[in-house]
Protein backbone atom coordinates (compact mmCIF):
# COMPACT_ATOMS: atom_id res chain seq x y z
CA MET A 1 14.12 30.40 7.35
CA PHE A 2 11.22 29.45 5.24
CA ASP A 3 10.29 32.78 4.93
CA ASP A 4 12.92 33.44 2.84
CA TRP A 5 11.96 31.03 0.22
CA PRO A 6 8.45 31.62 -0.60
CA PHE A 7 6.43 28.78 -2.43
CA LYS A 8 5.90 28.91 -6.34
CA ASP A 9 2.65 28.88 -7.68
CA GLN A 10 1.85 26.31 -10.17
CA PHE A 11 -1.30 27.32 -11.10
CA ASN A 12 -3.63 25.21 -13.06
CA ARG A 13 -1.00 23.06 -14.73
CA PRO A 14 -0.27 19.55 -13.70
CA ALA A 15 3.35 20.60 -13.03
CA CYS A 16 3.87 19.48 -9.43
CA ALA A 17 6.55 17.05 -10.14
CA ALA A 18 8.86 19.80 -11.43
CA PHE A 19 8.16 21.69 -8.86
CA GLY A 20 8.98 19.41 -6.53
CA VAL A 21 12.58 18.54 -8.03
CA VAL A 22 13.34 22.20 -8.60
CA ALA A 23 12.67 23.00 -5.13
CA ALA A 24 15.00 19.88 -3.97
CA VAL A 25 17.37 21.53 -6.36
CA GLU A 26 16.94 24.98 -5.06
CA TRP A 27 17.58 24.07 -1.26
CA ARG A 28 20.56 22.09 -2.23
CA HIS A 29 22.09 25.41 -3.92
CA HIS A 30 20.76 27.84 -1.71
CA THR A 31 23.21 30.26 0.65
CA PRO A 32 22.44 30.17 4.05
CA ALA A 33 21.85 33.09 6.42
CA ASN A 34 25.36 34.38 8.09
CA ALA A 35 26.57 37.37 10.09
CA GLN A 36 26.60 39.30 7.16
CA ASN A 37 23.35 38.96 5.61
CA PRO A 38 20.50 37.39 7.86
CA HIS A 39 18.40 35.99 5.15
CA ALA A 40 19.14 32.77 3.41
CA VAL A 41 19.49 33.46 -0.44
CA PHE A 42 17.61 30.49 -2.81
CA PRO A 43 18.38 30.47 -6.67
CA ARG A 44 15.56 30.85 -8.81
CA TYR A 45 15.32 28.10 -11.16
CA GLY A 46 12.81 26.87 -13.81
CA GLU A 47 10.04 24.36 -13.74
CA GLN A 48 8.88 25.40 -17.23
CA HIS A 49 11.92 23.86 -18.95
CA LEU A 50 12.13 20.76 -16.73
CA TYR A 51 8.47 20.09 -17.04
CA TRP A 52 8.58 20.13 -20.85
CA ASP A 53 11.74 17.83 -21.14
CA ALA A 54 10.07 15.28 -18.94
CA ARG A 55 7.32 15.17 -21.30
CA VAL A 56 9.07 15.11 -24.40
CA ARG A 57 10.93 12.17 -23.25
CA GLU A 58 7.74 10.58 -22.78
CA GLY A 59 6.65 10.89 -26.37
CA VAL A 60 3.28 12.50 -25.65
CA PHE A 61 2.35 14.75 -28.08
CA PRO A 62 0.98 17.50 -28.19
CA ILE A 63 1.50 17.82 -24.74
CA PRO A 64 -1.69 17.41 -22.91
CA PRO A 65 -2.65 20.72 -20.95
CA ASP A 66 -4.07 18.68 -18.02
CA GLU A 67 -1.81 15.69 -17.36
CA GLY A 68 1.50 15.60 -15.63
CA ALA A 69 4.60 14.38 -15.90
CA HIS A 70 5.70 11.26 -14.00
CA LEU A 71 8.03 12.17 -11.19
CA LYS A 72 10.54 9.38 -12.66
CA LEU A 73 10.80 11.09 -15.83
CA VAL A 74 11.36 14.34 -14.36
CA ALA A 75 14.13 12.96 -11.99
CA GLU A 76 15.35 11.62 -15.51
CA ALA A 77 15.51 15.02 -17.27
CA SER A 78 17.23 16.96 -13.89
CA THR A 79 19.72 14.22 -14.34
CA LEU A 80 20.33 13.83 -17.92
CA VAL A 81 19.46 17.38 -19.34
CA GLY A 82 19.75 19.56 -16.31
CA ILE A 83 17.64 22.67 -14.90
CA ALA A 84 18.02 26.24 -16.18
CA HIS A 85 17.18 29.32 -14.61
CA ASP A 86 13.66 30.69 -14.61
CA HIS A 87 14.43 33.75 -16.24
CA LEU A 88 15.41 32.05 -19.61
CA TRP A 89 12.13 30.18 -19.99
CA PRO A 90 9.78 31.80 -17.03
CA TYR A 91 6.75 29.19 -15.91
CA ALA A 92 3.48 30.96 -16.82
CA ALA A 93 0.14 30.09 -16.07
CA ASP A 94 -1.06 29.39 -19.18
CA PRO A 95 2.00 28.11 -21.44
CA ALA A 96 3.13 29.80 -25.02
CA PRO A 97 1.34 27.99 -27.90
CA ALA A 98 4.78 26.81 -28.73
CA HIS A 99 4.59 24.63 -25.75
CA HIS A 100 1.81 22.36 -28.05
CA CYS A 101 3.55 22.68 -31.61
CA PRO A 102 5.55 20.10 -33.14
CA ALA A 103 9.02 20.44 -33.56
CA THR A 104 12.04 18.73 -33.02
CA HIS A 105 13.74 17.91 -29.79
CA ALA A 106 17.62 17.88 -30.10
CA GLY A 107 19.17 14.39 -28.92
CA LEU A 108 15.84 12.86 -29.25
CA PRO A 109 15.18 12.81 -33.01
CA HIS A 110 12.55 9.99 -33.12
CA LEU A 111 10.51 12.57 -30.91
CA THR A 112 8.56 15.89 -31.57
CA GLY A 113 7.34 18.50 -29.08
CA ALA A 114 7.88 22.29 -28.37
CA THR A 115 11.28 23.57 -28.53
CA PRO A 116 12.40 26.18 -25.63
CA PRO A 117 11.64 29.28 -27.23
CA ALA A 118 14.80 31.22 -25.81
CA THR A 119 18.76 31.30 -26.70
CA GLY A 120 20.61 29.80 -24.24
CA VAL A 121 18.03 27.40 -22.04
CA ARG A 122 19.57 24.05 -23.05
CA ALA A 123 23.35 25.25 -22.39
CA ASP A 124 22.41 26.84 -19.06
CA ALA A 125 20.45 23.57 -18.13
CA ALA A 126 23.40 21.28 -19.24
CA ALA A 127 25.53 23.26 -17.13
CA ARG A 128 23.85 22.12 -14.05
CA LEU A 129 22.99 18.59 -14.34
CA CYS A 130 21.35 17.54 -11.19
CA PRO A 131 21.48 13.65 -10.78
CA MET A 132 18.49 12.60 -9.35
CA THR A 133 17.45 8.73 -7.97
CA TRP A 134 13.60 7.88 -8.13
CA VAL A 135 12.45 5.41 -5.55
CA ASP A 136 9.15 3.34 -6.15
CA LEU A 137 7.62 3.63 -2.48
CA SER A 138 5.21 0.59 -2.79
CA GLY A 139 5.55 -2.18 -0.03
CA PRO A 140 6.82 -2.12 3.66
CA ARG A 141 8.50 0.86 5.73
CA ARG A 142 7.47 3.78 3.21
CA ALA A 143 7.99 6.74 5.97
CA GLU A 144 10.91 5.44 7.22
CA ARG A 145 12.43 5.14 4.01
CA VAL A 146 11.39 8.86 3.36
CA LEU A 147 12.98 9.72 6.76
CA ASP A 148 16.27 7.64 5.56
CA ALA A 149 16.41 9.80 2.24
CA LEU A 150 15.96 12.90 3.87
CA ARG A 151 18.51 12.26 6.41
CA LEU A 152 21.16 11.55 3.95
CA TYR A 153 20.00 13.48 0.92
CA GLY A 154 18.27 16.34 1.99
CA PRO A 155 14.76 17.65 0.97
CA LEU A 156 13.16 15.59 -1.66
CA ALA A 157 10.19 14.96 -4.00
CA LEU A 158 7.45 12.70 -2.62
CA SER A 159 4.48 12.03 -4.42
CA LEU A 160 1.46 11.32 -2.81
CA PRO A 161 -2.23 10.84 -3.54
CA VAL A 162 -4.77 13.43 -3.35
CA ALA A 163 -8.02 12.15 -4.30
CA GLY A 164 -9.82 8.97 -2.26
CA ARG A 165 -13.12 7.31 -2.02
CA ASP A 166 -14.92 5.43 0.33
CA LYS A 167 -14.20 1.74 -0.75
CA ARG A 168 -17.05 0.14 0.98
CA ASP A 169 -19.54 2.26 -1.09
CA PRO A 170 -19.04 1.08 -4.88
CA GLU A 171 -21.14 4.44 -5.76
CA ALA A 172 -18.91 6.79 -3.81
CA GLU A 173 -17.33 9.50 -6.06
CA ALA A 174 -13.63 10.47 -5.78
CA SER A 175 -13.33 13.56 -3.44
CA GLU A 176 -9.93 15.54 -2.84
CA TYR A 177 -11.23 16.42 0.55
CA VAL A 178 -8.23 14.87 2.54
CA TRP A 179 -6.38 17.94 0.62
CA THR A 180 -8.85 20.92 0.14
CA ASN A 181 -10.92 20.88 3.03
CA PRO A 182 -11.34 24.03 5.01
CA GLN A 183 -9.15 23.14 7.78
CA THR A 184 -6.44 21.87 5.60
CA ARG A 185 -6.37 24.86 3.23
CA THR A 186 -5.68 27.04 6.40
CA ASP A 187 -3.36 24.70 8.69
CA GLY A 188 -1.49 22.74 6.11
CA ILE A 189 -1.94 19.66 7.86
CA ILE A 190 -2.95 16.71 5.94
CA ALA A 191 -4.84 14.52 8.29
CA ASP A 192 -5.56 10.65 7.91
CA PRO A 193 -8.21 9.94 6.09
CA PRO A 194 -11.73 8.87 7.46
CA ALA A 195 -11.93 5.12 7.82
CA GLY A 196 -12.61 2.93 4.44
CA TRP A 197 -10.64 5.71 2.22
CA GLU A 198 -8.40 4.55 -0.32
CA PRO A 199 -6.49 6.69 -2.81
CA VAL A 200 -7.49 6.83 -6.42
CA GLY A 201 -5.98 8.66 -9.43
CA ALA A 202 -3.39 10.83 -9.98
CA GLY A 203 -1.14 11.99 -7.05
CA HIS A 204 0.26 15.23 -6.25
CA THR A 205 4.15 15.94 -5.86
CA VAL A 206 5.49 18.23 -2.98
CA CYS A 207 9.10 18.70 -1.75
CA VAL A 208 9.63 17.24 1.52
CA VAL A 209 12.11 20.10 3.46
CA ALA A 210 11.98 18.79 7.15
CA ALA A 211 11.04 16.32 10.02
CA LEU A 212 9.88 17.49 13.40
CA PRO A 213 8.06 16.12 16.03
CA ASP A 214 4.58 15.36 16.17
CA PRO A 215 3.14 17.11 19.18
CA ARG A 216 0.68 14.20 19.64
CA ASP A 217 3.44 12.13 20.52
CA ARG A 218 4.16 13.82 23.63
CA ALA A 219 3.13 12.52 27.14
CA ARG A 220 0.07 13.07 28.78
CA ALA A 221 -1.27 12.95 32.09
CA GLY A 222 -1.40 9.21 32.93
CA ARG A 223 -0.20 7.95 29.52
CA PRO A 224 3.60 7.69 28.44
CA ALA A 225 4.55 9.31 24.76
CA ARG A 226 4.08 7.45 22.03
CA PRO A 227 7.06 6.26 19.87
CA ALA A 228 8.63 9.34 18.03
CA ARG A 229 7.43 9.45 14.86
CA PRO A 230 8.02 12.91 13.12
CA VAL A 231 5.52 15.01 11.13
CA PHE A 232 7.38 15.85 7.59
CA VAL A 233 7.21 19.60 6.77
CA PHE A 234 6.58 20.12 2.70
CA ARG A 235 6.87 22.95 0.12
CA ASN A 236 3.42 22.70 -1.63
CA SER A 237 2.95 24.19 -5.04
CA TRP A 238 -0.71 25.56 -4.54
CA PRO A 239 -2.18 29.04 -3.71
CA ASN A 240 -4.70 29.75 -1.26
CA TRP A 241 -3.48 27.06 0.69
CA GLY A 242 -1.57 26.41 4.20
CA THR A 243 -2.10 30.27 5.32
CA HIS A 244 -0.73 28.76 8.72
CA PRO A 245 -1.45 30.57 12.17
CA ASN A 246 0.90 28.34 13.29
CA GLY A 247 4.16 28.94 12.40
CA LEU A 248 5.13 28.20 8.73
CA PRO A 249 4.62 30.51 5.93
CA ARG A 250 1.68 30.30 3.23
CA GLY A 251 2.45 27.62 0.99
CA TYR A 252 4.09 24.85 3.52
CA GLY A 253 2.37 21.90 5.10
CA ARG A 254 2.72 19.07 7.23
CA VAL A 255 1.86 15.45 6.55
CA ARG A 256 1.63 12.71 9.37
CA TRP A 257 3.83 9.44 9.50
CA SER A 258 1.06 7.54 9.17
CA PHE A 259 -0.03 8.80 5.92
CA VAL A 260 3.06 9.14 4.13
CA ASP A 261 3.64 5.05 5.70
CA LYS A 262 0.04 3.71 4.04
CA TYR A 263 -0.38 5.84 1.10
CA ALA A 264 3.46 7.51 -0.43
CA ARG A 265 3.89 6.52 -4.03
CA SER A 266 7.37 7.26 -5.09
CA MET A 267 10.09 9.98 -4.25
CA ALA A 268 13.17 11.42 -6.27
CA HIS A 269 16.26 12.53 -3.95
CA TRP A 270 19.37 13.72 -4.87
CA SER A 271 22.04 11.07 -6.07
CA ASP A 272 24.96 11.93 -3.83
CA PRO A 273 24.54 12.85 0.10
CA ALA A 274 23.83 16.45 1.33
CA VAL A 275 26.41 18.04 3.78
CA GLY A 276 26.25 21.19 5.90
CA HIS A 277 23.40 23.84 5.26
CA ALA A 278 22.08 21.61 2.17
CA ARG A 279 20.83 19.01 5.01
CA ALA A 280 17.15 18.69 5.67
CA LYS A 281 15.86 20.55 8.63
CA GLY A 282 14.96 18.44 12.07
CA VAL A 283 16.42 14.87 10.89
CA ASP A 284 19.77 15.09 13.20
């Protein structure tokens, strides 16, 4: 069914947290396929308004074009301000100049930032308050906590490190190779990093949509199967990534349990449990 829900491109803008949260909301609100319609129908909500509101709430002006919004603030904006339809303020590769101009944010008079340019954006968002809970994942059992939340609340936004370096070499430069090497760009599988790797810098938010069996856990000749630890399937917001000769549509990827358990930073999930078709795939 992911073929009915093509990924969206964040372009060269640091808005991944908004894309992760909006994806979790679109999944919760989608209409599943049925006998009359063989394709699932997904709403198209707007990342631009959510990203803008999170930055306004942060009080950073003018809004830096190369700094992302913290997932915690995006979850807060989704909860308190809501999520608007995309056509009311379309997300663009190059935001309009108003995105960076001083103005007044209604309800937050002590802050300044860009005002939504289209009539009805705030009203439409206010009609769709989407309560989200942000969770700091530092500490033990990170992957288990993500799986538990996925089972209870459905698809969720997950922040993972992108760049890293060899901590054994003080002269080593940070690299995004774990995510951007040719193999990962093709199959979308975030492999375990090499020995000595440590994350540095900002993270990247994706929307985890499913948990599927890890083929490495299957029994092999003369060896029992490993304890079942699924891989997490996620929806990314990068173009030319995850072309998938192995079954998932372009823009979707897999991250292994071990990577999430070691490095996941935070997540934002719905505050109320998912039921029916809103539940994530592969978590029963």
